[in-house]
C-alpha cells in the first residue's frame, strides 16, 4: 500500500438502530485491523450523547463509518461529518439517504432500466384492502414480501402467503409502528450479491439458506447461510449481475463500498431482479464484502485500510 494519507482514525460504532449489535462487531473487527496496519484507530459509539463533541475534541484525520441501519446509513451521520469537515468513508449524504429509502431507490433504478420486482408502498393499515380489492394497477399476486422502507439487514421483513397475513392485526408488533411499508412480489428463486468498491464490482456470491429467506439471523449467525464464491452461473448472467451492481452504485452516486442484492427467478429463462443496495455493508466474520475481497486476494486488513484511504468530504 502507498503512503498513508490519514493516521488518526475514529471508527464509528454501535449507534441506535436495530442493527446496533452487528455494528459493534463490524467496528471492533475493523478497528483492530487498522491498529495492525499501524493506524491510530479508536472506537466511538454514536449512542453516546457526547459523541459529536468527542469528534470535535479528538479531531481525527478521518472517520471509518461502521454504523448500520437508521441514523448511520441514511445520511444523518454523513451530514454531521460534512458539517465538521472530517473525511469519512462510504457514501455521502444524498446517496445514503436515497439508498436507505427503498421507494426512492426502486424509482431511480427502474428509471435507469435496471430490473426491480413489482411493488408499491402503502400504510400498514391499507395493505390488506389494496390487495383484496386490487385497488391499484400493479396490485400483486400472493405471496408478497412486506418490509419497512428504511431499514437494512432484512430487519422487519415478512413473507405473506395469504390475504389474512396482510391484516394489520396479524403483523408483528414492530411492523405496525412503521408509517410506510414496501410490498413487493415474492420472487421464487436463488439469492445472489455483488460488492462494488470504488466503482469496480468484485465478484458474484450465491447465498444458500437451509429453510428460510436471507433474514437477519441468517446474515449474522455463524452457519446461518452458506456462501458460494464465485457463484456458479451462466457467464452471461454472472456478467449481467456485475454490470447491474456497478450501474446501481453509479446511478445512486454511491462512494466507497456498496453491496447489491439480487434474486434470480426460477424458470426456463431465469430473470434477475435487484432487491436493494446496501451503502454500509457489514464487516463481520460472516459478512460478504470481506469474503469477496479475499477471493480477489485482498485480505481483511488491507481492505479496511483501502476503505479508510478512500475517505473524503463532499461525497
Protein backbone atom coordinates (compact mmCIF):
# COMPACT_ATOMS: atom_id res chain seq x y z
CA UNK A 1 0.00 0.00 0.00
CA UNK A 2 1.24 3.51 -0.79
CA UNK A 3 1.97 6.12 1.87
CA UNK A 4 -0.96 6.78 4.18
CA UNK A 5 -2.99 9.99 3.84
CA UNK A 6 -4.50 9.54 7.29
CA UNK A 7 -3.24 8.35 10.66
CA UNK A 8 -5.74 9.03 13.46
CA UNK A 9 -8.99 7.22 12.66
CA UNK A 10 -12.29 7.29 14.55
CA UNK A 11 -14.29 4.12 13.90
CA UNK A 12 -17.99 4.87 14.36
CA UNK A 13 -19.62 2.04 16.24
CA UNK A 14 -22.92 0.82 17.64
CA UNK A 15 -25.41 3.62 17.15
CA UNK A 16 -29.11 3.47 17.97
CA UNK A 17 -30.59 1.43 15.13
CA UNK A 18 -31.90 -2.13 15.35
CA UNK A 19 -28.60 -3.19 13.79
CA UNK A 20 -26.53 -1.91 16.73
CA UNK A 21 -25.15 -5.33 17.68
CA UNK A 22 -23.91 -6.01 14.16
CA UNK A 23 -22.29 -2.57 14.01
CA UNK A 24 -20.41 -3.24 17.26
CA UNK A 25 -18.90 -6.39 15.72
CA UNK A 26 -18.07 -4.71 12.39
CA UNK A 27 -16.48 -1.74 14.16
CA UNK A 28 -14.39 -3.77 16.60
CA UNK A 29 -13.02 -6.01 13.89
CA UNK A 30 -12.30 -3.04 11.60
CA UNK A 31 -10.63 -1.06 14.38
CA UNK A 32 -8.37 -3.98 15.26
CA UNK A 33 -7.43 -4.32 11.59
CA UNK A 34 -6.47 -0.64 11.39
CA UNK A 35 -4.33 -0.90 14.51
CA UNK A 36 -2.49 -3.83 12.94
CA UNK A 37 -1.99 -1.62 9.87
CA UNK A 38 -0.30 0.97 12.15
CA UNK A 39 -3.16 3.46 12.28
CA UNK A 40 -4.01 5.26 15.50
CA UNK A 41 -7.57 3.92 15.48
CA UNK A 42 -10.19 4.09 18.22
CA UNK A 43 -13.87 3.22 18.62
CA UNK A 44 -16.55 5.88 19.03
CA UNK A 45 -20.10 4.78 19.87
CA UNK A 46 -22.66 7.19 18.40
CA UNK A 47 -25.18 6.07 21.03
CA UNK A 48 -23.17 8.16 23.49
CA UNK A 49 -24.78 11.59 23.92
CA UNK A 50 -21.47 13.45 23.55
CA UNK A 51 -20.13 11.63 20.50
CA UNK A 52 -20.15 14.73 18.30
CA UNK A 53 -18.29 16.76 20.91
CA UNK A 54 -15.81 13.91 21.19
CA UNK A 55 -15.17 14.13 17.45
CA UNK A 56 -14.59 17.88 17.78
CA UNK A 57 -12.23 17.39 20.70
CA UNK A 58 -10.30 14.41 19.28
CA UNK A 59 -10.29 15.75 15.71
CA UNK A 60 -9.40 12.52 13.87
CA UNK A 61 -7.86 12.66 10.41
CA UNK A 62 -10.72 10.54 9.06
CA UNK A 63 -13.76 8.54 10.13
CA UNK A 64 -14.43 4.91 9.26
CA UNK A 65 -18.22 4.63 9.37
CA UNK A 66 -19.12 1.15 10.61
CA UNK A 67 -22.71 2.02 11.52
CA UNK A 68 -25.57 0.02 10.03
CA UNK A 69 -29.21 0.99 9.66
CA UNK A 70 -31.03 4.19 10.53
CA UNK A 71 -29.10 7.21 11.85
CA UNK A 72 -25.87 5.77 10.49
CA UNK A 73 -26.60 4.63 6.96
CA UNK A 74 -29.28 7.13 5.98
CA UNK A 75 -27.33 10.38 5.54
CA UNK A 76 -27.77 11.72 9.09
CA UNK A 77 -24.28 10.93 10.39
CA UNK A 78 -22.84 11.78 6.98
CA UNK A 79 -24.34 15.28 7.34
CA UNK A 80 -22.69 15.70 10.73
CA UNK A 81 -19.32 14.70 9.32
CA UNK A 82 -19.72 17.06 6.37
CA UNK A 83 -20.52 19.94 8.72
CA UNK A 84 -17.40 19.14 10.77
CA UNK A 85 -15.38 18.72 7.56
CA UNK A 86 -13.94 15.41 8.69
CA UNK A 87 -13.24 12.98 5.82
CA UNK A 88 -15.34 9.81 6.05
CA UNK A 89 -15.86 6.52 4.26
CA UNK A 90 -18.71 5.05 2.22
CA UNK A 91 -21.41 7.12 0.51
CA UNK A 92 -22.29 10.76 1.05
CA UNK A 93 -25.40 12.43 2.41
CA UNK A 94 -27.68 12.24 -0.63
CA UNK A 95 -26.69 8.78 -1.85
CA UNK A 96 -27.00 7.37 1.67
CA UNK A 97 -30.45 8.90 2.19
CA UNK A 98 -31.76 7.68 -1.16
CA UNK A 99 -30.33 4.15 -0.92
CA UNK A 100 -31.82 3.75 2.56
CA UNK A 101 -35.28 4.58 1.22
CA UNK A 102 -36.48 1.55 -0.73
CA UNK A 103 -39.21 3.54 -2.53
CA UNK A 104 -36.84 6.16 -3.91
CA UNK A 105 -34.19 3.56 -4.71
CA UNK A 106 -36.65 1.46 -6.69
CA UNK A 107 -37.88 4.50 -8.62
CA UNK A 108 -34.36 5.59 -9.59
CA UNK A 109 -33.12 2.12 -10.51
CA UNK A 110 -36.22 1.47 -12.63
CA UNK A 111 -35.84 4.82 -14.40
CA UNK A 112 -32.33 3.75 -15.45
CA UNK A 113 -33.54 0.48 -16.90
CA UNK A 114 -32.44 -1.72 -14.00
CA UNK A 115 -34.73 -4.66 -13.12
CA UNK A 116 -36.63 -4.50 -9.82
CA UNK A 117 -39.58 -6.56 -8.52
CA UNK A 118 -43.08 -5.17 -8.99
CA UNK A 119 -44.31 -3.44 -5.87
CA UNK A 120 -45.87 -0.46 -4.16
CA UNK A 121 -45.65 1.47 -0.90
CA UNK A 122 -48.57 1.85 1.49
CA UNK A 123 -49.54 2.50 5.08
CA UNK A 124 -49.69 -0.74 7.08
CA UNK A 125 -53.40 -0.29 7.71
CA UNK A 126 -54.14 -0.03 3.95
CA UNK A 127 -52.23 -3.03 2.61
CA UNK A 128 -54.93 -5.64 3.17
CA UNK A 129 -57.62 -3.61 1.39
CA UNK A 130 -55.33 -2.73 -1.51
CA UNK A 131 -54.51 -6.38 -2.11
CA UNK A 132 -58.07 -7.62 -1.53
CA UNK A 133 -59.75 -5.08 -3.81
CA UNK A 134 -56.94 -4.77 -6.38
CA UNK A 135 -57.21 -1.01 -5.89
CA UNK A 136 -54.09 -0.08 -7.79
CA UNK A 137 -52.91 -1.12 -11.23
CA UNK A 138 -49.94 -3.14 -10.05
CA UNK A 139 -51.61 -4.85 -7.07
CA UNK A 140 -49.69 -8.07 -6.75
CA UNK A 141 -50.48 -11.74 -6.55
CA UNK A 142 -49.56 -13.71 -3.44
CA UNK A 143 -47.12 -14.41 -1.96
CA UNK A 144 -45.63 -10.96 -1.36
CA UNK A 145 -42.73 -9.59 0.66
CA UNK A 146 -43.53 -6.83 3.15
CA UNK A 147 -40.72 -4.72 4.56
CA UNK A 148 -40.01 -1.29 6.07
CA UNK A 149 -38.88 1.28 3.53
CA UNK A 150 -35.91 2.43 5.60
CA UNK A 151 -34.34 -0.50 7.43
CA UNK A 152 -31.44 -2.73 6.48
CA UNK A 153 -30.23 -6.28 7.18
CA UNK A 154 -33.72 -7.66 6.49
CA UNK A 155 -34.99 -6.07 9.71
CA UNK A 156 -38.80 -6.31 9.81
CA UNK A 157 -39.15 -8.34 6.61
CA UNK A 158 -42.02 -10.82 6.38
CA UNK A 159 -43.41 -13.02 3.61
CA UNK A 160 -47.21 -13.04 3.32
CA UNK A 161 -48.67 -16.15 1.76
CA UNK A 162 -52.37 -15.39 2.33
CA UNK A 163 -54.58 -12.31 2.49
CA UNK A 164 -55.03 -12.89 6.21
CA UNK A 165 -51.26 -12.48 6.64
CA UNK A 166 -51.72 -8.91 5.40
CA UNK A 167 -54.24 -7.88 8.04
CA UNK A 168 -52.71 -5.29 10.36
CA UNK A 169 -53.73 -7.34 13.39
CA UNK A 170 -51.61 -10.23 12.11
CA UNK A 171 -48.47 -8.15 11.58
CA UNK A 172 -45.71 -8.47 14.18
CA UNK A 173 -45.99 -5.54 16.65
CA UNK A 174 -42.82 -3.86 15.35
CA UNK A 175 -44.21 -3.82 11.79
CA UNK A 176 -47.26 -1.86 12.96
CA UNK A 177 -45.04 1.03 14.11
CA UNK A 178 -43.80 1.99 10.64
CA UNK A 179 -45.57 4.77 8.76
CA UNK A 180 -44.95 3.23 5.33
CA UNK A 181 -44.15 -0.29 4.20
CA UNK A 182 -42.97 -1.63 0.86
CA UNK A 183 -44.89 -4.53 -0.66
CA UNK A 184 -43.13 -6.45 -3.42
CA UNK A 185 -43.80 -9.52 -5.49
CA UNK A 186 -42.05 -12.51 -3.94
CA UNK A 187 -39.50 -13.83 -6.43
CA UNK A 188 -39.09 -17.60 -6.07
CA UNK A 189 -35.50 -18.41 -6.89
CA UNK A 190 -31.89 -18.08 -5.80
CA UNK A 191 -30.16 -15.32 -3.81
CA UNK A 192 -27.02 -13.55 -5.03
CA UNK A 193 -24.98 -10.49 -4.11
CA UNK A 194 -22.26 -8.34 -5.68
CA UNK A 195 -19.94 -5.99 -3.81
CA UNK A 196 -18.66 -2.84 -5.52
CA UNK A 197 -15.63 -0.89 -4.32
CA UNK A 198 -14.63 2.40 -5.94
CA UNK A 199 -16.96 1.68 -8.87
CA UNK A 200 -15.45 -1.77 -9.53
CA UNK A 201 -17.57 -4.90 -8.96
CA UNK A 202 -15.72 -7.63 -7.03
CA UNK A 203 -17.49 -10.89 -7.87
CA UNK A 204 -20.85 -12.66 -7.50
CA UNK A 205 -21.68 -14.72 -4.41
CA UNK A 206 -24.58 -17.14 -4.14
CA UNK A 207 -26.21 -17.30 -0.71
CA UNK A 208 -27.74 -20.60 0.29
CA UNK A 209 -30.14 -20.89 3.23
CA UNK A 210 -31.35 -24.24 4.55
CA UNK A 211 -35.02 -23.43 5.17
CA UNK A 212 -35.72 -19.69 5.24
CA UNK A 213 -35.08 -16.46 3.37
CA UNK A 214 -31.90 -14.44 3.97
CA UNK A 215 -33.07 -12.80 7.20
CA UNK A 216 -31.17 -11.06 9.99
CA UNK A 217 -30.30 -14.32 11.74
CA UNK A 218 -29.08 -15.97 8.56
CA UNK A 219 -26.86 -12.97 7.77
CA UNK A 220 -25.10 -12.68 11.11
CA UNK A 221 -25.15 -16.13 12.71
CA UNK A 222 -22.20 -18.43 12.08
CA UNK A 223 -23.53 -21.20 9.83
CA UNK A 224 -26.80 -19.35 9.21
CA UNK A 225 -26.11 -19.39 5.50
CA UNK A 226 -23.63 -20.86 3.05
CA UNK A 227 -21.78 -18.71 0.52
CA UNK A 228 -20.53 -19.92 -2.86
CA UNK A 229 -17.74 -17.65 -4.18
CA UNK A 230 -17.72 -17.23 -7.10
CA UNK A 231 -21.31 -18.14 -7.87
CA UNK A 232 -21.96 -20.91 -10.34
CA UNK A 233 -23.96 -19.15 -13.03
CA UNK A 234 -24.01 -18.94 -16.82
CA UNK A 235 -21.32 -16.44 -17.79
CA UNK A 236 -23.90 -14.11 -19.34
CA UNK A 237 -25.92 -13.89 -16.12
CA UNK A 238 -22.80 -13.63 -13.95
CA UNK A 239 -21.59 -10.69 -16.04
CA UNK A 240 -25.04 -9.10 -16.04
CA UNK A 241 -25.21 -9.11 -12.23
CA UNK A 242 -21.76 -7.50 -12.06
CA UNK A 243 -22.88 -4.85 -14.55
CA UNK A 244 -26.17 -4.20 -12.74
CA UNK A 245 -24.40 -3.77 -9.38
CA UNK A 246 -21.88 -1.37 -10.87
CA UNK A 247 -24.61 0.65 -12.58
CA UNK A 248 -26.75 0.78 -9.42
CA UNK A 249 -23.72 2.04 -7.48
CA UNK A 250 -23.11 4.74 -10.06
CA UNK A 251 -26.67 5.95 -10.72
CA UNK A 252 -27.21 6.48 -6.99
CA UNK A 253 -23.83 8.28 -6.86
CA UNK A 254 -22.51 5.93 -4.18
CA UNK A 255 -18.91 6.02 -2.99
CA UNK A 256 -16.56 3.55 -1.33
CA UNK A 257 -18.08 0.11 -0.76
CA UNK A 258 -21.64 -0.97 -1.55
CA UNK A 259 -23.30 -4.34 -1.89
CA UNK A 260 -26.22 -5.03 -4.24
CA UNK A 261 -28.52 -7.97 -3.51
CA UNK A 262 -30.23 -9.93 -6.27
CA UNK A 263 -32.93 -12.52 -6.73
CA UNK A 264 -32.51 -14.93 -9.64
CA UNK A 265 -36.01 -16.07 -10.57
CA UNK A 266 -36.77 -19.64 -11.47
CA UNK A 267 -37.99 -20.70 -14.89
CA UNK A 268 -36.80 -21.65 -18.35
CA UNK A 269 -35.41 -18.11 -18.80
CA UNK A 270 -34.29 -17.01 -15.31
CA UNK A 271 -34.82 -13.34 -14.62
CA UNK A 272 -32.54 -11.16 -12.49
CA UNK A 273 -34.04 -8.66 -10.04
CA UNK A 274 -32.28 -6.11 -7.82
CA UNK A 275 -33.66 -6.30 -4.29
CA UNK A 276 -31.68 -3.47 -2.68
CA UNK A 277 -28.33 -1.71 -2.47
CA UNK A 278 -26.50 -1.50 0.85
CA UNK A 279 -24.28 1.55 1.35
CA UNK A 280 -22.85 0.36 4.70
CA UNK A 281 -22.44 -3.41 4.22
CA UNK A 282 -21.35 -5.48 7.19
CA UNK A 283 -17.71 -6.21 8.00
CA UNK A 284 -18.27 -9.03 10.50
CA UNK A 285 -16.70 -12.53 10.34
CA UNK A 286 -19.75 -13.78 8.37
CA UNK A 287 -20.04 -10.74 6.09
CA UNK A 288 -19.98 -10.92 2.31
CA UNK A 289 -17.78 -7.95 1.36
CA UNK A 290 -14.61 -9.25 3.11
CA UNK A 291 -15.28 -12.68 1.66
CA UNK A 292 -15.45 -11.32 -1.88
CA UNK A 293 -12.34 -9.22 -1.30
CA UNK A 294 -10.50 -12.34 -0.10
CA UNK A 295 -11.47 -14.04 -3.35
CA UNK A 296 -9.60 -11.19 -5.09
CA UNK A 297 -6.59 -11.77 -2.78
CA UNK A 298 -7.34 -8.65 -0.71
CA UNK A 299 -7.12 -9.61 2.96
CA UNK A 300 -9.33 -8.04 5.63
CA UNK A 301 -6.69 -5.64 6.98
CA UNK A 302 -5.78 -4.37 3.53
CA UNK A 303 -9.44 -3.92 2.60
CA UNK A 304 -10.18 -1.82 5.70
CA UNK A 305 -7.06 0.30 5.12
CA UNK A 306 -8.13 0.86 1.50
CA UNK A 307 -11.56 1.95 2.70
CA UNK A 308 -10.01 4.48 5.08
CA UNK A 309 -7.62 5.85 2.48
CA UNK A 310 -10.64 6.42 0.21
CA UNK A 311 -12.25 8.73 2.82
CA UNK A 312 -13.15 12.30 1.87
CA UNK A 313 -15.71 15.05 2.34
CA UNK A 314 -18.18 16.18 -0.32
CA UNK A 315 -19.01 12.58 -1.23
